[in-house]
């Protein structure tokens, strides 16, 4: 997103089961008073097709992947909270 839109809620269109909305960046100060760019991610999903726990695991995995790009290149981690089987969404 560009301009003044920082977050929004996307609408799921059939036959989709979920949609990921990514808002524009905004500048904030971190806890150590350093400027950082942040953005908002919103996951809208159909609870009839995807469980809340699966959506939560997906967002945790996405967050870890975006905050540490090397995470995507490494061997799978034994931490079950980060090992998400994306085929379960199909």
N, C-alpha and C. Protein backbone atom coordinates (compact mmCIF):
# COMPACT_ATOMS: atom_id res chain seq x y z
N UNK A 1 0.84 -1.18 0.00
CA UNK A 1 0.00 0.00 0.00
C UNK A 1 0.88 1.24 0.00
N UNK A 2 0.39 2.26 -0.64
CA UNK A 2 1.10 3.52 -0.68
C UNK A 2 0.22 4.62 -0.10
N UNK A 3 0.82 5.67 0.36
CA UNK A 3 0.04 6.80 0.85
C UNK A 3 -0.29 6.67 2.32
N UNK A 4 -1.49 7.10 2.68
CA UNK A 4 -1.86 7.20 4.09
C UNK A 4 -2.55 5.96 4.64
N UNK A 5 -2.74 4.91 3.86
CA UNK A 5 -3.41 3.70 4.35
C UNK A 5 -2.38 2.81 5.04
N UNK A 6 -2.55 2.63 6.36
CA UNK A 6 -1.60 1.82 7.12
C UNK A 6 -2.10 0.41 7.37
N UNK A 7 -3.42 0.24 7.42
CA UNK A 7 -3.97 -1.10 7.56
C UNK A 7 -5.39 -1.12 7.01
N UNK A 8 -5.84 -2.30 6.65
CA UNK A 8 -7.19 -2.47 6.14
C UNK A 8 -7.57 -3.93 6.27
N UNK A 9 -8.84 -4.21 6.12
CA UNK A 9 -9.35 -5.57 6.18
C UNK A 9 -9.79 -5.98 4.79
N UNK A 10 -9.21 -7.06 4.28
CA UNK A 10 -9.56 -7.54 2.96
C UNK A 10 -10.79 -8.44 3.04
N UNK A 11 -11.49 -8.57 1.95
CA UNK A 11 -12.70 -9.40 1.89
C UNK A 11 -12.38 -10.69 1.15
N UNK A 12 -12.77 -11.80 1.76
CA UNK A 12 -12.55 -13.12 1.15
C UNK A 12 -13.58 -13.32 0.04
N UNK A 13 -13.10 -13.69 -1.13
CA UNK A 13 -13.97 -13.99 -2.26
C UNK A 13 -14.01 -15.48 -2.50
N UNK A 14 -15.20 -16.07 -2.61
CA UNK A 14 -15.28 -17.52 -2.87
C UNK A 14 -14.56 -17.83 -4.18
N UNK A 15 -13.82 -18.89 -4.27
CA UNK A 15 -13.66 -20.01 -3.35
C UNK A 15 -12.46 -19.87 -2.42
N UNK A 16 -11.99 -18.66 -2.17
CA UNK A 16 -10.84 -18.47 -1.28
C UNK A 16 -11.21 -18.84 0.15
N UNK A 17 -10.21 -19.31 0.90
CA UNK A 17 -10.42 -19.63 2.30
C UNK A 17 -9.78 -18.57 3.20
N UNK A 18 -8.84 -17.80 2.64
CA UNK A 18 -8.16 -16.77 3.42
C UNK A 18 -7.55 -15.74 2.48
N UNK A 19 -7.27 -14.58 3.05
CA UNK A 19 -6.59 -13.53 2.30
C UNK A 19 -5.72 -12.74 3.28
N UNK A 20 -4.54 -12.38 2.83
CA UNK A 20 -3.59 -11.67 3.65
C UNK A 20 -3.51 -10.23 3.14
N UNK A 21 -3.82 -9.27 4.02
CA UNK A 21 -3.76 -7.86 3.67
C UNK A 21 -2.51 -7.26 4.31
N UNK A 22 -1.73 -6.55 3.51
CA UNK A 22 -0.50 -5.93 4.00
C UNK A 22 -0.61 -4.42 3.83
N UNK A 23 -0.54 -3.71 4.96
CA UNK A 23 -0.67 -2.25 4.94
C UNK A 23 0.64 -1.58 4.61
N UNK A 24 0.59 -0.28 4.46
CA UNK A 24 1.77 0.51 4.15
C UNK A 24 2.70 0.64 5.35
N UNK A 25 3.91 1.06 5.07
CA UNK A 25 4.90 1.19 6.15
C UNK A 25 4.69 2.50 6.91
N UNK A 26 5.13 2.48 8.15
CA UNK A 26 5.12 3.67 8.98
C UNK A 26 6.41 3.67 9.81
N UNK A 27 6.90 4.83 10.11
CA UNK A 27 8.13 4.95 10.90
C UNK A 27 7.77 5.09 12.37
N UNK A 28 8.44 4.30 13.21
CA UNK A 28 8.24 4.34 14.65
C UNK A 28 9.59 4.28 15.33
N UNK A 29 9.60 4.54 16.62
CA UNK A 29 10.83 4.41 17.41
C UNK A 29 10.79 3.07 18.13
N UNK A 30 11.92 2.37 18.09
CA UNK A 30 12.03 1.10 18.80
C UNK A 30 12.22 1.35 20.29
N UNK A 31 12.32 0.30 21.08
CA UNK A 31 12.49 0.44 22.52
C UNK A 31 13.81 1.14 22.89
N UNK A 32 14.80 1.04 21.99
CA UNK A 32 16.07 1.73 22.25
C UNK A 32 16.17 3.05 21.48
N UNK A 33 15.01 3.62 21.15
CA UNK A 33 14.89 4.94 20.51
C UNK A 33 15.55 5.03 19.13
N UNK A 34 15.58 3.91 18.42
CA UNK A 34 16.08 3.89 17.04
C UNK A 34 14.90 3.88 16.08
N UNK A 35 14.96 4.63 14.98
CA UNK A 35 13.85 4.62 14.03
C UNK A 35 13.78 3.28 13.30
N UNK A 36 12.57 2.73 13.19
CA UNK A 36 12.34 1.48 12.48
C UNK A 36 11.10 1.63 11.61
N UNK A 37 11.07 0.90 10.51
CA UNK A 37 9.89 0.87 9.65
C UNK A 37 9.06 -0.34 10.01
N UNK A 38 7.77 -0.15 10.17
CA UNK A 38 6.86 -1.24 10.52
C UNK A 38 5.67 -1.21 9.57
N UNK A 39 5.01 -2.36 9.44
CA UNK A 39 3.79 -2.43 8.67
C UNK A 39 2.84 -3.41 9.33
N UNK A 40 1.57 -3.29 8.99
CA UNK A 40 0.53 -4.13 9.58
C UNK A 40 0.12 -5.22 8.61
N UNK A 41 -0.01 -6.44 9.13
CA UNK A 41 -0.47 -7.58 8.35
C UNK A 41 -1.77 -8.07 8.98
N UNK A 42 -2.80 -8.22 8.16
CA UNK A 42 -4.09 -8.70 8.64
C UNK A 42 -4.47 -9.95 7.86
N UNK A 43 -4.76 -11.03 8.58
CA UNK A 43 -5.20 -12.27 7.95
C UNK A 43 -6.69 -12.43 8.18
N UNK A 44 -7.45 -12.47 7.10
CA UNK A 44 -8.88 -12.76 7.17
C UNK A 44 -9.06 -14.18 6.67
N UNK A 45 -9.76 -15.00 7.42
CA UNK A 45 -9.93 -16.39 7.01
C UNK A 45 -11.33 -16.89 7.35
N UNK A 46 -11.74 -17.90 6.64
CA UNK A 46 -13.03 -18.55 6.85
C UNK A 46 -12.82 -19.64 7.89
N UNK A 47 -13.41 -19.47 9.06
CA UNK A 47 -13.22 -20.42 10.16
C UNK A 47 -13.83 -21.79 9.86
N UNK A 48 -14.64 -21.88 8.82
CA UNK A 48 -15.17 -23.19 8.44
C UNK A 48 -14.11 -24.00 7.72
N UNK A 49 -13.13 -23.33 7.12
CA UNK A 49 -12.09 -24.01 6.35
C UNK A 49 -10.75 -24.07 7.06
N UNK A 50 -10.45 -23.07 7.87
CA UNK A 50 -9.15 -22.97 8.54
C UNK A 50 -9.39 -22.74 10.03
N UNK A 51 -8.72 -23.51 10.85
CA UNK A 51 -8.89 -23.34 12.30
C UNK A 51 -8.12 -22.11 12.77
N UNK A 52 -8.55 -21.58 13.89
CA UNK A 52 -7.86 -20.42 14.48
C UNK A 52 -6.42 -20.74 14.83
N UNK A 53 -6.17 -21.97 15.29
CA UNK A 53 -4.79 -22.33 15.65
C UNK A 53 -3.91 -22.43 14.41
N UNK A 54 -4.46 -22.90 13.29
CA UNK A 54 -3.67 -22.95 12.04
C UNK A 54 -3.37 -21.54 11.55
N UNK A 55 -4.33 -20.65 11.65
CA UNK A 55 -4.09 -19.26 11.25
C UNK A 55 -3.03 -18.62 12.14
N UNK A 56 -3.08 -18.92 13.42
CA UNK A 56 -2.09 -18.39 14.37
C UNK A 56 -0.69 -18.91 14.04
N UNK A 57 -0.58 -20.21 13.75
CA UNK A 57 0.73 -20.79 13.38
C UNK A 57 1.26 -20.17 12.10
N UNK A 58 0.37 -19.95 11.12
CA UNK A 58 0.79 -19.32 9.87
C UNK A 58 1.35 -17.92 10.12
N UNK A 59 0.66 -17.12 10.93
CA UNK A 59 1.12 -15.76 11.22
C UNK A 59 2.42 -15.76 12.00
N UNK A 60 2.60 -16.71 12.92
CA UNK A 60 3.88 -16.82 13.63
C UNK A 60 5.01 -17.14 12.67
N UNK A 61 4.76 -18.07 11.75
CA UNK A 61 5.77 -18.46 10.76
C UNK A 61 6.09 -17.28 9.85
N UNK A 62 5.08 -16.57 9.40
CA UNK A 62 5.28 -15.40 8.54
C UNK A 62 6.08 -14.32 9.27
N UNK A 63 5.74 -14.08 10.51
CA UNK A 63 6.46 -13.08 11.31
C UNK A 63 7.93 -13.44 11.46
N UNK A 64 8.19 -14.68 11.78
CA UNK A 64 9.58 -15.14 11.94
C UNK A 64 10.33 -15.03 10.60
N UNK A 65 9.68 -15.40 9.51
CA UNK A 65 10.32 -15.36 8.19
C UNK A 65 10.66 -13.93 7.79
N UNK A 66 9.77 -12.99 8.07
CA UNK A 66 10.01 -11.60 7.68
C UNK A 66 11.03 -10.93 8.59
N UNK A 67 11.06 -11.30 9.86
CA UNK A 67 12.00 -10.67 10.78
C UNK A 67 13.41 -11.26 10.66
N UNK A 68 13.52 -12.48 10.14
CA UNK A 68 14.82 -13.14 10.00
C UNK A 68 14.85 -13.91 8.67
N UNK A 69 15.22 -13.23 7.55
CA UNK A 69 15.20 -13.89 6.24
C UNK A 69 16.03 -15.17 6.16
N UNK A 70 17.09 -15.29 6.97
CA UNK A 70 17.89 -16.51 6.96
C UNK A 70 17.08 -17.71 7.45
N UNK A 71 16.03 -17.45 8.22
CA UNK A 71 15.17 -18.51 8.72
C UNK A 71 14.59 -19.34 7.57
N UNK A 72 14.30 -18.68 6.44
CA UNK A 72 13.71 -19.38 5.29
C UNK A 72 14.73 -20.26 4.59
N UNK A 73 16.02 -19.99 4.77
CA UNK A 73 17.06 -20.74 4.08
C UNK A 73 17.59 -21.91 4.90
N UNK A 74 17.33 -21.90 6.19
CA UNK A 74 17.87 -22.92 7.08
C UNK A 74 17.03 -24.18 7.07
N UNK A 75 17.60 -25.23 7.62
CA UNK A 75 16.87 -26.48 7.77
C UNK A 75 15.69 -26.26 8.71
N UNK A 76 14.65 -27.07 8.61
CA UNK A 76 13.50 -26.90 9.50
C UNK A 76 13.91 -26.96 10.97
N UNK A 77 13.27 -26.13 11.76
CA UNK A 77 13.55 -26.05 13.19
C UNK A 77 12.66 -27.04 13.92
N UNK A 78 13.12 -27.56 15.05
CA UNK A 78 12.33 -28.51 15.82
C UNK A 78 11.29 -27.84 16.70
N UNK A 79 11.17 -26.52 16.62
CA UNK A 79 10.17 -25.79 17.38
C UNK A 79 8.82 -25.92 16.69
N UNK A 80 7.88 -26.65 17.29
CA UNK A 80 6.59 -26.91 16.66
C UNK A 80 5.79 -25.64 16.42
N UNK A 81 6.07 -24.58 17.16
CA UNK A 81 5.33 -23.34 16.95
C UNK A 81 5.75 -22.65 15.64
N UNK A 82 6.89 -23.02 15.09
CA UNK A 82 7.35 -22.40 13.84
C UNK A 82 7.29 -23.35 12.65
N UNK A 83 7.16 -24.65 12.89
CA UNK A 83 7.03 -25.61 11.79
C UNK A 83 5.57 -25.70 11.41
N UNK A 84 5.23 -25.09 10.31
CA UNK A 84 3.83 -25.05 9.87
C UNK A 84 3.70 -25.82 8.58
N UNK A 85 2.80 -26.77 8.54
CA UNK A 85 2.55 -27.57 7.35
C UNK A 85 1.49 -26.85 6.51
N UNK A 86 1.94 -26.13 5.48
CA UNK A 86 1.04 -25.34 4.67
C UNK A 86 0.05 -26.21 3.87
N UNK A 87 0.36 -27.49 3.70
CA UNK A 87 -0.55 -28.37 2.97
C UNK A 87 -1.84 -28.62 3.75
N UNK A 88 -1.83 -28.37 5.06
CA UNK A 88 -3.05 -28.53 5.85
C UNK A 88 -4.10 -27.51 5.47
N UNK A 89 -3.67 -26.42 4.83
CA UNK A 89 -4.61 -25.40 4.42
C UNK A 89 -5.32 -25.76 3.13
N UNK A 90 -4.83 -26.79 2.42
CA UNK A 90 -5.45 -27.16 1.14
C UNK A 90 -6.61 -28.08 1.33
